[in-house]
Amino acid sequence: MTRDEARKKIIFALDVNGLAEIDRYAEMLSSKVGMFKVGKELFTSCGLEAVKTVQRHGGQVFLDLKYHDIPNTVAKAMVEAARLGVQLANLHALGGREMMETAATAVRKEFGDQRPRLLAVTILTSSTEETLRGVGIDHPVQDMVVRLAKLAQESGMDGVVASPLEIGLIREACGPGFLIVTPGVRPGFASVDDQKRIMTPAEAVGAGADYLVIGRPIAKAADPAAAAELIVDEIVAGCP
């Protein structure tokens, strides 16, 4: 794998405070990572400018708002996300088939091929089987992830967000063309923090992940750009 291929797989989780910080990281990392993730906290505090600031630096955006509501509301929200010119946008697979189908149909009808790729969140990487039992789901995590991934694919989603530990199972169930975006990735030089189901970048890419969402190991580094390059090094070394 080339360094450019490895770099494009990295999505930097832009979990920062304010437009000045977005601007600083976007300028610093736009040539070092493949995409920037704008999540709920940042979008709530900075709004559309969070996305536009990244785009002004030539960065691509994964809008990670994890919509989960009635089908019509989610469909309209996903259409508005597409209107922002982002590359990836997501919703919760637990919203069910009708919600996902309605959203996928609306975005494709409005934008055709010039649309973001649509992702469904399966089970959050912070969740364990105990977490699922607490909300009345008695199936093992891996079983639920595969079930939701298959449902998402049947409903018109382009891929899923899932822990790296389920990549192989999703590939087997959904085939090679289905996108897998993987949080819970920690490079060898970083701490685990609050993620429960994790892999290194090279392990996740080797298992078949299309994109790796990585935040704190880059953001907390003394030199974030150098940290991003170290992750590229790990991927290239582990995936010749």
Protein backbone atom coordinates (compact mmCIF):
# COMPACT_ATOMS: atom_id res chain seq x y z
CA MET A 1 0.00 0.00 0.00
CA THR A 2 1.32 3.46 -0.88
CA ARG A 3 1.52 6.30 1.60
CA ASP A 4 -1.13 8.21 -0.33
CA GLU A 5 -3.51 5.25 -0.18
CA ALA A 6 -2.89 4.89 3.54
CA ARG A 7 -3.38 8.62 4.16
CA LYS A 8 -6.75 8.64 2.40
CA LYS A 9 -8.03 6.03 4.84
CA ILE A 10 -7.57 8.33 7.84
CA ILE A 11 -10.56 10.39 9.01
CA PHE A 12 -9.51 12.87 11.68
CA ALA A 13 -12.19 13.31 14.34
CA LEU A 14 -12.40 17.08 14.61
CA ASP A 15 -13.48 17.12 18.27
CA VAL A 16 -12.28 20.65 18.99
CA ASN A 17 -13.72 23.90 20.34
CA GLY A 18 -14.66 26.74 18.02
CA LEU A 19 -13.99 27.85 14.49
CA ALA A 20 -10.44 28.99 15.21
CA GLU A 21 -9.51 25.46 16.24
CA ILE A 22 -11.23 23.99 13.20
CA ASP A 23 -9.31 26.39 11.02
CA ARG A 24 -6.00 25.51 12.70
CA TYR A 25 -6.43 21.75 12.39
CA ALA A 26 -7.84 21.92 8.87
CA GLU A 27 -4.85 23.96 7.71
CA MET A 28 -2.41 21.70 9.56
CA LEU A 29 -3.85 18.35 8.50
CA SER A 30 -5.60 18.82 5.15
CA SER A 31 -2.64 17.25 3.36
CA LYS A 32 -2.04 14.65 6.09
CA VAL A 33 -5.43 12.91 6.36
CA GLY A 34 -8.15 11.86 3.94
CA MET A 35 -11.13 13.46 5.64
CA PHE A 36 -12.34 15.37 8.70
CA LYS A 37 -15.20 14.17 10.90
CA VAL A 38 -17.59 16.85 12.12
CA GLY A 39 -19.70 15.45 14.94
CA LYS A 40 -22.65 16.52 17.08
CA GLU A 41 -20.80 18.73 19.54
CA LEU A 42 -18.94 20.71 16.92
CA PHE A 43 -21.91 21.03 14.58
CA THR A 44 -24.13 22.16 17.44
CA SER A 45 -21.66 24.83 18.55
CA CYS A 46 -20.45 26.05 15.13
CA GLY A 47 -23.17 25.02 12.68
CA LEU A 48 -22.60 25.02 8.94
CA GLU A 49 -19.37 27.00 9.37
CA ALA A 50 -17.74 23.91 10.84
CA VAL A 51 -18.13 22.16 7.49
CA LYS A 52 -17.35 25.23 5.39
CA THR A 53 -14.16 25.97 7.31
CA VAL A 54 -12.79 22.51 6.56
CA GLN A 55 -13.81 22.83 2.92
CA ARG A 56 -12.06 26.18 2.57
CA HIS A 57 -8.80 24.36 3.28
CA GLY A 58 -9.59 21.74 0.66
CA GLY A 59 -10.61 19.14 3.23
CA GLN A 60 -13.34 16.57 2.76
CA VAL A 61 -15.99 16.05 5.44
CA PHE A 62 -17.68 13.13 7.16
CA LEU A 63 -20.79 14.65 8.78
CA ASP A 64 -21.27 12.38 11.79
CA LEU A 65 -24.67 13.38 13.20
CA LYS A 66 -26.13 9.86 13.52
CA TYR A 67 -29.71 10.75 12.68
CA HIS A 68 -32.41 8.64 14.34
CA ASP A 69 -36.01 9.88 14.02
CA ILE A 70 -39.16 9.25 12.01
CA PRO A 71 -38.40 8.36 8.36
CA ASN A 72 -39.50 11.65 6.78
CA THR A 73 -37.50 13.76 9.24
CA VAL A 74 -34.33 11.72 8.75
CA ALA A 75 -34.73 11.78 4.97
CA LYS A 76 -34.98 15.57 4.95
CA ALA A 77 -31.99 15.88 7.27
CA MET A 78 -29.88 13.63 5.04
CA VAL A 79 -30.84 15.66 1.97
CA GLU A 80 -29.69 18.83 3.75
CA ALA A 81 -26.43 17.08 4.70
CA ALA A 82 -25.90 16.23 1.04
CA ARG A 83 -26.55 19.84 0.11
CA LEU A 84 -23.51 20.82 2.22
CA GLY A 85 -21.22 18.92 -0.12
CA VAL A 86 -19.97 16.44 2.45
CA GLN A 87 -18.50 13.10 1.38
CA LEU A 88 -20.03 10.89 4.10
CA ALA A 89 -23.16 11.25 6.25
CA ASN A 90 -24.78 8.81 8.65
CA LEU A 91 -27.82 7.67 10.55
CA HIS A 92 -28.53 4.96 13.13
CA ALA A 93 -29.33 1.51 11.73
CA LEU A 94 -31.48 0.91 14.80
CA GLY A 95 -33.94 3.38 13.25
CA GLY A 96 -35.00 0.49 11.05
CA ARG A 97 -35.57 -0.38 7.40
CA GLU A 98 -38.21 2.22 6.55
CA MET A 99 -36.14 5.07 7.98
CA MET A 100 -33.02 4.01 6.06
CA GLU A 101 -34.86 3.30 2.80
CA THR A 102 -36.69 6.63 2.89
CA ALA A 103 -33.44 8.53 3.48
CA ALA A 104 -31.48 6.64 0.81
CA THR A 105 -34.23 7.12 -1.76
CA ALA A 106 -34.56 10.85 -1.04
CA VAL A 107 -30.81 11.53 -1.33
CA ARG A 108 -30.43 9.51 -4.53
CA LYS A 109 -33.46 11.17 -6.11
CA GLU A 110 -32.18 14.67 -5.30
CA PHE A 111 -28.47 14.26 -6.04
CA GLY A 112 -27.89 11.08 -8.06
CA ASP A 113 -24.21 10.21 -8.26
CA GLN A 114 -23.20 13.62 -6.91
CA ARG A 115 -24.11 12.67 -3.37
CA PRO A 116 -22.38 11.70 -0.15
CA ARG A 117 -22.01 8.03 0.63
CA LEU A 118 -24.61 7.07 3.21
CA LEU A 119 -23.58 5.16 6.31
CA ALA A 120 -25.52 3.41 9.05
CA VAL A 121 -24.15 3.22 12.58
CA THR A 122 -24.43 -0.33 13.87
CA ILE A 123 -23.40 -0.62 17.55
CA LEU A 124 -21.30 2.12 19.12
CA THR A 125 -17.72 1.12 19.93
CA SER A 126 -18.28 2.16 23.55
CA SER A 127 -21.04 -0.47 23.88
CA THR A 128 -20.64 -3.92 25.39
CA GLU A 129 -23.07 -6.82 25.72
CA GLU A 130 -23.94 -5.48 29.16
CA THR A 131 -24.81 -2.14 27.55
CA LEU A 132 -27.12 -3.87 25.07
CA ARG A 133 -28.81 -5.96 27.75
CA GLY A 134 -29.52 -2.74 29.64
CA VAL A 135 -31.69 -1.53 26.75
CA GLY A 136 -33.38 -4.86 26.19
CA ILE A 137 -31.18 -6.31 23.41
CA ASP A 138 -30.17 -9.82 24.39
CA HIS A 139 -28.17 -10.71 21.30
CA PRO A 140 -24.36 -10.66 21.34
CA VAL A 141 -22.70 -7.51 20.00
CA GLN A 142 -21.26 -9.25 16.94
CA ASP A 143 -24.62 -10.78 16.02
CA MET A 144 -26.32 -7.38 16.28
CA VAL A 145 -23.64 -5.66 14.19
CA VAL A 146 -23.97 -8.18 11.36
CA ARG A 147 -27.77 -8.09 11.50
CA LEU A 148 -27.79 -4.30 11.32
CA ALA A 149 -25.17 -4.20 8.56
CA LYS A 150 -27.21 -6.56 6.39
CA LEU A 151 -30.36 -4.55 7.08
CA ALA A 152 -28.54 -1.34 6.15
CA GLN A 153 -27.32 -2.80 2.87
CA GLU A 154 -30.79 -4.08 2.00
CA SER A 155 -32.16 -0.62 2.80
CA GLY A 156 -29.87 1.19 0.35
CA MET A 157 -27.04 2.32 2.59
CA ASP A 158 -23.54 2.44 1.08
CA GLY A 159 -21.86 1.15 4.22
CA VAL A 160 -21.72 1.09 7.98
CA VAL A 161 -19.84 2.45 10.95
CA ALA A 162 -18.69 -0.48 13.06
CA SER A 163 -15.97 -1.55 15.45
CA PRO A 164 -12.87 -3.07 13.85
CA LEU A 165 -13.58 -6.38 15.54
CA GLU A 166 -16.62 -6.91 13.30
CA ILE A 167 -14.98 -6.01 9.97
CA GLY A 168 -14.46 -9.60 8.85
CA LEU A 169 -18.01 -10.61 9.72
CA ILE A 170 -19.45 -7.61 7.85
CA ARG A 171 -17.29 -8.32 4.80
CA GLU A 172 -18.51 -11.92 4.77
CA ALA A 173 -22.15 -10.88 5.11
CA CYS A 174 -22.18 -7.81 2.84
CA GLY A 175 -19.38 -8.33 0.31
CA PRO A 176 -16.36 -6.27 -0.77
CA GLY A 177 -18.16 -3.22 -2.16
CA PHE A 178 -19.82 -2.26 1.12
CA LEU A 179 -18.03 0.57 2.93
CA ILE A 180 -16.80 -0.01 6.47
CA VAL A 181 -15.85 3.04 8.52
CA THR A 182 -14.08 2.07 11.71
CA PRO A 183 -13.80 4.03 14.94
CA GLY A 184 -12.12 2.39 17.92
CA VAL A 185 -8.72 2.53 16.21
CA ARG A 186 -5.70 3.27 18.36
CA PRO A 187 -2.16 3.45 16.94
CA GLY A 188 0.65 1.76 18.83
CA PHE A 189 1.81 5.03 20.42
CA ALA A 190 -1.61 6.05 21.82
CA SER A 191 -3.73 5.31 24.91
CA VAL A 192 -6.97 3.31 24.73
CA ASP A 193 -9.15 6.05 26.34
CA ASP A 194 -12.87 5.10 26.51
CA GLN A 195 -13.06 2.75 23.51
CA LYS A 196 -13.83 -0.89 24.33
CA ARG A 197 -13.47 -2.76 21.03
CA ILE A 198 -10.29 -1.58 19.36
CA MET A 199 -7.50 -2.46 16.88
CA THR A 200 -4.37 -0.75 15.59
CA PRO A 201 -4.63 1.08 12.24
CA ALA A 202 -2.70 -1.64 10.39
CA GLU A 203 -4.85 -4.39 11.91
CA ALA A 204 -8.07 -2.60 10.93
CA VAL A 205 -6.95 -1.90 7.36
CA GLY A 206 -5.63 -5.45 7.04
CA ALA A 207 -9.02 -6.73 8.15
CA GLY A 208 -10.72 -4.71 5.40
CA ALA A 209 -11.65 -1.29 6.80
CA ASP A 210 -12.13 1.42 4.17
CA TYR A 211 -11.73 4.33 6.57
CA LEU A 212 -10.33 4.73 10.10
CA VAL A 213 -11.74 7.39 12.42
CA ILE A 214 -8.92 8.64 14.64
CA GLY A 215 -9.13 11.64 16.96
CA ARG A 216 -7.27 11.92 20.23
CA PRO A 217 -4.06 10.15 19.13
CA ILE A 218 -3.61 12.97 16.59
CA ALA A 219 -5.22 15.89 18.43
CA LYS A 220 -3.41 15.26 21.74
CA ALA A 221 -0.01 14.78 20.16
CA ALA A 222 2.62 17.50 20.61
CA ASP A 223 2.86 17.58 16.80
CA PRO A 224 -0.48 16.47 15.26
CA ALA A 225 0.86 16.46 11.70
CA ALA A 226 3.75 14.21 12.74
CA ALA A 227 1.33 11.92 14.60
CA ALA A 228 -0.75 11.56 11.42
CA GLU A 229 2.40 10.62 9.51
CA LEU A 230 3.24 8.01 12.15
CA ILE A 231 -0.18 6.44 11.61
CA VAL A 232 0.46 6.38 7.87
CA ASP A 233 3.80 4.68 8.66
CA GLU A 234 1.99 2.03 10.74
CA ILE A 235 -0.53 1.32 7.99
CA VAL A 236 2.08 1.07 5.26
CA ALA A 237 4.35 -1.15 7.34
CA GLY A 238 1.49 -3.44 8.34
CA CYS A 239 -0.19 -3.59 4.92
CA PRO A 240 2.51 -3.98 2.24
